[in-house]
């Protein structure tokens, strides 16, 4: 009775290969060492990373993912800019388009001093004080120390972000930022003087004249700076569209 040799199954490494298709670990190591020595003789490194060809580059980036990641980095400052712009626009709308008009119902239909772009005099404030209810005066004072402070500060930071991050380097952007800081100081000082004038039974002409002048200056600066900010934002948006269309 003949005994048949059992063939090795399930483990190809255990089978003998005369054709060399499945080299043993020592054979693979020898081949790797040989390739390494050949690379050293040619002045190359076997572990050197293949160089990227110029045709592999696209707009200075190796891959589309790198391109999108870089675009994300460039767009991050714009997120801050737009967030500050939204806050400043919201506070302006709340203060001058909602809260101030609401107070007119408690002042016989007369507008608040803050809303008078051309200014006011002592007679205007005395007339306003005579028809204004005590609750309205308190609400105006409270509005001055809340939204009246938050808005100019938010506008300053929005102007700083737009001019500093979207506008190119130069003296113009620092002039705009300095002007926004002056506007914030003028607007807050105007609110303080208005409250002081309305609190007096007979406000002095000098106090009213100073408050009126600050009101006119703040409105003029707000219009000029607001226009400059809008123009810079629109120019940046147009430039971004041109870059994406290339």
Foldseek 3Di string as FASTA:
>chain_A
DDDDDDDDPDDVVVDDDPVCPDDDPVVVVVVVVVVQVVCVVVVHGPPDDDDDDPVCDDPNDNDVVVVVVVVVVLCVLVVVLVVLVVQLVVLCCCLQVNPQCVLCVQQVNDGAQLNDLQFDFQVSLLSSLVRHDPVSLVVLLVCCVPSLLVNLVSQLVSLLSLLVSQNDDDDVSVVLSVLSVVLSVLSSVLSVLSNVQSVDNRRDRVSRVSSRVSSNVSVVSCVVSVVVSVVSVVVSVVVVVVVVVD
